Amino acid sequence: MNLPLPGAIAAFFEVSNGADDALLAHCFAQDAVVRDEGHAHEGQEAIRSWLREARRQYAYRVEPLALSGQGAGVTVVARVTGTFPGSPVQLAHVFRLRGERIASLEIRA
């Protein structure tokens, strides 16, 4: 499905699906926070490390299915398929934007 995602969010999903993770520097604010699986990852380098490890560990693909919200608050429901128990799953990716960049992301079941 092809959703009209804001640029930073579209780039995040591209990186999640294997694009060069150097793009993350253009997606996330310097002080951004990602919350996933009970852990918080603060700052661009921590986020980059988290995403690299998740891609290595789970060899996953993510497909955005639905978009809600507008402006600074955007939620994307996505199907995530990979080498983890229970695959595939649908997860809500709750984004807060600051300008053109992601200020925070929380991934929820």
C-alpha atoms as a PDB file:
ATOM      1  CA  MET A   1       0.000   0.000   0.000  1.00  0.00           C
ATOM      2  CA  ASN A   2       1.286   3.436  -0.875  1.00  0.00           C
ATOM      3  CA  LEU A   3       0.370   5.974   1.831  1.00  0.00           C
ATOM      4  CA  PRO A   4       1.096   9.722   1.612  1.00  0.00           C
ATOM      5  CA  LEU A   5       3.530   9.784   4.545  1.00  0.00           C
ATOM      6  CA  PRO A   6       5.402  12.902   5.703  1.00  0.00           C
ATOM      7  CA  GLY A   7       8.970  12.858   4.360  1.00  0.00           C
ATOM      8  CA  ALA A   8      10.792  11.973   7.595  1.00  0.00           C
ATOM      9  CA  ILE A   9       8.345   9.162   8.346  1.00  0.00           C
ATOM     10  CA  ALA A  10       8.593   7.762   4.816  1.00  0.00           C
ATOM     11  CA  ALA A  11      12.387   7.816   5.088  1.00  0.00           C
ATOM     12  CA  PHE A  12      12.249   6.040   8.480  1.00  0.00           C
ATOM     13  CA  PHE A  13      10.258   3.180   6.921  1.00  0.00           C
ATOM     14  CA  GLU A  14      12.664   3.047   3.960  1.00  0.00           C
ATOM     15  CA  VAL A  15      15.593   2.636   6.358  1.00  0.00           C
ATOM     16  CA  SER A  16      13.614   0.065   8.342  1.00  0.00           C
ATOM     17  CA  ASN A  17      13.286  -1.922   5.121  1.00  0.00           C
ATOM     18  CA  GLY A  18      16.998  -1.864   4.358  1.00  0.00           C
ATOM     19  CA  ALA A  19      17.868   1.568   2.936  1.00  0.00           C
ATOM     20  CA  ASP A  20      21.126   3.197   4.079  1.00  0.00           C
ATOM     21  CA  ASP A  21      20.763   4.105   7.754  1.00  0.00           C
ATOM     22  CA  ALA A  22      22.697   7.335   7.141  1.00  0.00           C
ATOM     23  CA  LEU A  23      19.263   8.695   6.122  1.00  0.00           C
ATOM     24  CA  LEU A  24      18.258   8.620   9.793  1.00  0.00           C
ATOM     25  CA  ALA A  25      20.233  11.820  10.391  1.00  0.00           C
ATOM     26  CA  HIS A  26      17.724  13.564   8.122  1.00  0.00           C
ATOM     27  CA  CYS A  27      14.702  11.908   9.782  1.00  0.00           C
ATOM     28  CA  PHE A  28      15.258  12.417  13.500  1.00  0.00           C
ATOM     29  CA  ALA A  29      15.895  15.525  15.576  1.00  0.00           C
ATOM     30  CA  GLN A  30      19.220  15.488  17.455  1.00  0.00           C
ATOM     31  CA  ASP A  31      17.424  14.890  20.770  1.00  0.00           C
ATOM     32  CA  ALA A  32      14.806  12.474  19.431  1.00  0.00           C
ATOM     33  CA  VAL A  33      13.618   9.508  21.502  1.00  0.00           C
ATOM     34  CA  VAL A  34      12.397   6.115  20.294  1.00  0.00           C
ATOM     35  CA  ARG A  35      10.495   3.840  22.683  1.00  0.00           C
ATOM     36  CA  ASP A  36      10.265   0.187  21.672  1.00  0.00           C
ATOM     37  CA  GLU A  37       9.952  -3.074  23.626  1.00  0.00           C
ATOM     38  CA  GLY A  38      10.175  -1.269  26.974  1.00  0.00           C
ATOM     39  CA  HIS A  39      13.398   0.597  26.143  1.00  0.00           C
ATOM     40  CA  ALA A  40      14.071   4.242  25.301  1.00  0.00           C
ATOM     41  CA  HIS A  41      16.750   5.132  22.745  1.00  0.00           C
ATOM     42  CA  GLU A  42      17.760   8.799  22.965  1.00  0.00           C
ATOM     43  CA  GLY A  43      19.655  10.741  20.322  1.00  0.00           C
ATOM     44  CA  GLN A  44      20.471   9.983  16.710  1.00  0.00           C
ATOM     45  CA  GLU A  45      23.356   7.591  17.370  1.00  0.00           C
ATOM     46  CA  ALA A  46      21.378   5.515  19.888  1.00  0.00           C
ATOM     47  CA  ILE A  47      18.462   5.356  17.452  1.00  0.00           C
ATOM     48  CA  ARG A  48      20.760   4.276  14.633  1.00  0.00           C
ATOM     49  CA  SER A  49      22.256   1.522  16.839  1.00  0.00           C
ATOM     50  CA  TRP A  50      18.800   0.349  17.913  1.00  0.00           C
ATOM     51  CA  LEU A  51      17.592   0.111  14.324  1.00  0.00           C
ATOM     52  CA  ARG A  52      20.732  -1.678  13.113  1.00  0.00           C
ATOM     53  CA  GLU A  53      20.407  -4.244  15.896  1.00  0.00           C
ATOM     54  CA  ALA A  54      16.684  -4.752  15.262  1.00  0.00           C
ATOM     55  CA  ARG A  55      17.302  -5.283  11.534  1.00  0.00           C
ATOM     56  CA  ARG A  56      20.147  -7.721  12.282  1.00  0.00           C
ATOM     57  CA  GLN A  57      18.252  -9.648  14.937  1.00  0.00           C
ATOM     58  CA  TYR A  58      14.838  -9.921  13.270  1.00  0.00           C
ATOM     59  CA  ALA A  59      15.476  -9.526   9.503  1.00  0.00           C
ATOM     60  CA  TYR A  60      12.117  -7.796   9.242  1.00  0.00           C
ATOM     61  CA  ARG A  61      10.104  -5.908   6.650  1.00  0.00           C
ATOM     62  CA  VAL A  62       7.546  -3.267   7.527  1.00  0.00           C
ATOM     63  CA  GLU A  63       4.546  -2.270   5.408  1.00  0.00           C
ATOM     64  CA  PRO A  64       2.576   0.847   6.398  1.00  0.00           C
ATOM     65  CA  LEU A  65      -1.151   0.063   6.191  1.00  0.00           C
ATOM     66  CA  ALA A  66      -2.998   3.054   7.657  1.00  0.00           C
ATOM     67  CA  LEU A  67      -2.281   6.647   8.589  1.00  0.00           C
ATOM     68  CA  SER A  68      -4.105   8.825  11.094  1.00  0.00           C
ATOM     69  CA  GLY A  69      -3.503  12.227  12.602  1.00  0.00           C
ATOM     70  CA  GLN A  70      -1.964  15.289  11.070  1.00  0.00           C
ATOM     71  CA  GLY A  71       0.447  18.048  11.910  1.00  0.00           C
ATOM     72  CA  ALA A  72       2.797  17.144  14.757  1.00  0.00           C
ATOM     73  CA  GLY A  73       1.022  13.909  15.762  1.00  0.00           C
ATOM     74  CA  VAL A  74       0.914  11.058  13.242  1.00  0.00           C
ATOM     75  CA  THR A  75       0.170   7.374  13.831  1.00  0.00           C
ATOM     76  CA  VAL A  76       1.003   4.738  11.243  1.00  0.00           C
ATOM     77  CA  VAL A  77      -0.281   1.195  11.637  1.00  0.00           C
ATOM     78  CA  ALA A  78       2.075  -1.195   9.886  1.00  0.00           C
ATOM     79  CA  ARG A  79       2.407  -4.926   9.258  1.00  0.00           C
ATOM     80  CA  VAL A  80       5.804  -6.166  10.416  1.00  0.00           C
ATOM     81  CA  THR A  81       7.045  -9.517   9.131  1.00  0.00           C
ATOM     82  CA  GLY A  82      10.330 -11.064  10.232  1.00  0.00           C
ATOM     83  CA  THR A  83      12.186 -13.756  12.094  1.00  0.00           C
ATOM     84  CA  PHE A  84      10.513 -13.194  15.462  1.00  0.00           C
ATOM     85  CA  PRO A  85       7.829 -15.167  17.316  1.00  0.00           C
ATOM     86  CA  GLY A  86       4.292 -14.281  16.244  1.00  0.00           C
ATOM     87  CA  SER A  87       5.295 -12.834  12.869  1.00  0.00           C
ATOM     88  CA  PRO A  88       3.574 -11.101  11.217  1.00  0.00           C
ATOM     89  CA  VAL A  89       2.187  -8.511  13.624  1.00  0.00           C
ATOM     90  CA  GLN A  90       0.507  -5.152  13.262  1.00  0.00           C
ATOM     91  CA  LEU A  91       2.167  -2.390  15.241  1.00  0.00           C
ATOM     92  CA  ALA A  92       1.224   1.245  15.786  1.00  0.00           C
ATOM     93  CA  HIS A  93       4.079   3.677  15.171  1.00  0.00           C
ATOM     94  CA  VAL A  94       3.175   6.864  17.054  1.00  0.00           C
ATOM     95  CA  PHE A  95       5.241   9.782  15.765  1.00  0.00           C
ATOM     96  CA  ARG A  96       5.605  13.313  17.115  1.00  0.00           C
ATOM     97  CA  LEU A  97       7.113  15.669  14.593  1.00  0.00           C
ATOM     98  CA  ARG A  98       9.032  18.867  15.210  1.00  0.00           C
ATOM     99  CA  GLY A  99       9.181  20.754  11.963  1.00  0.00           C
ATOM    100  CA  GLU A 100      10.349  18.343   9.286  1.00  0.00           C
ATOM    101  CA  ARG A 101      11.937  15.843  11.707  1.00  0.00           C
ATOM    102  CA  ILE A 102      10.787  13.132  14.074  1.00  0.00           C
ATOM    103  CA  ALA A 103      11.002  14.260  17.718  1.00  0.00           C
ATOM    104  CA  SER A 104       9.721  10.991  19.130  1.00  0.00           C
ATOM    105  CA  LEU A 105       8.499   7.581  18.067  1.00  0.00           C
ATOM    106  CA  GLU A 106       6.722   5.003  20.197  1.00  0.00           C
ATOM    107  CA  ILE A 107       6.110   1.547  18.755  1.00  0.00           C
ATOM    108  CA  ARG A 108       3.100  -0.225  20.289  1.00  0.00           C
ATOM    109  CA  ALA A 109       1.380  -3.578  19.834  1.00  0.00           C
END
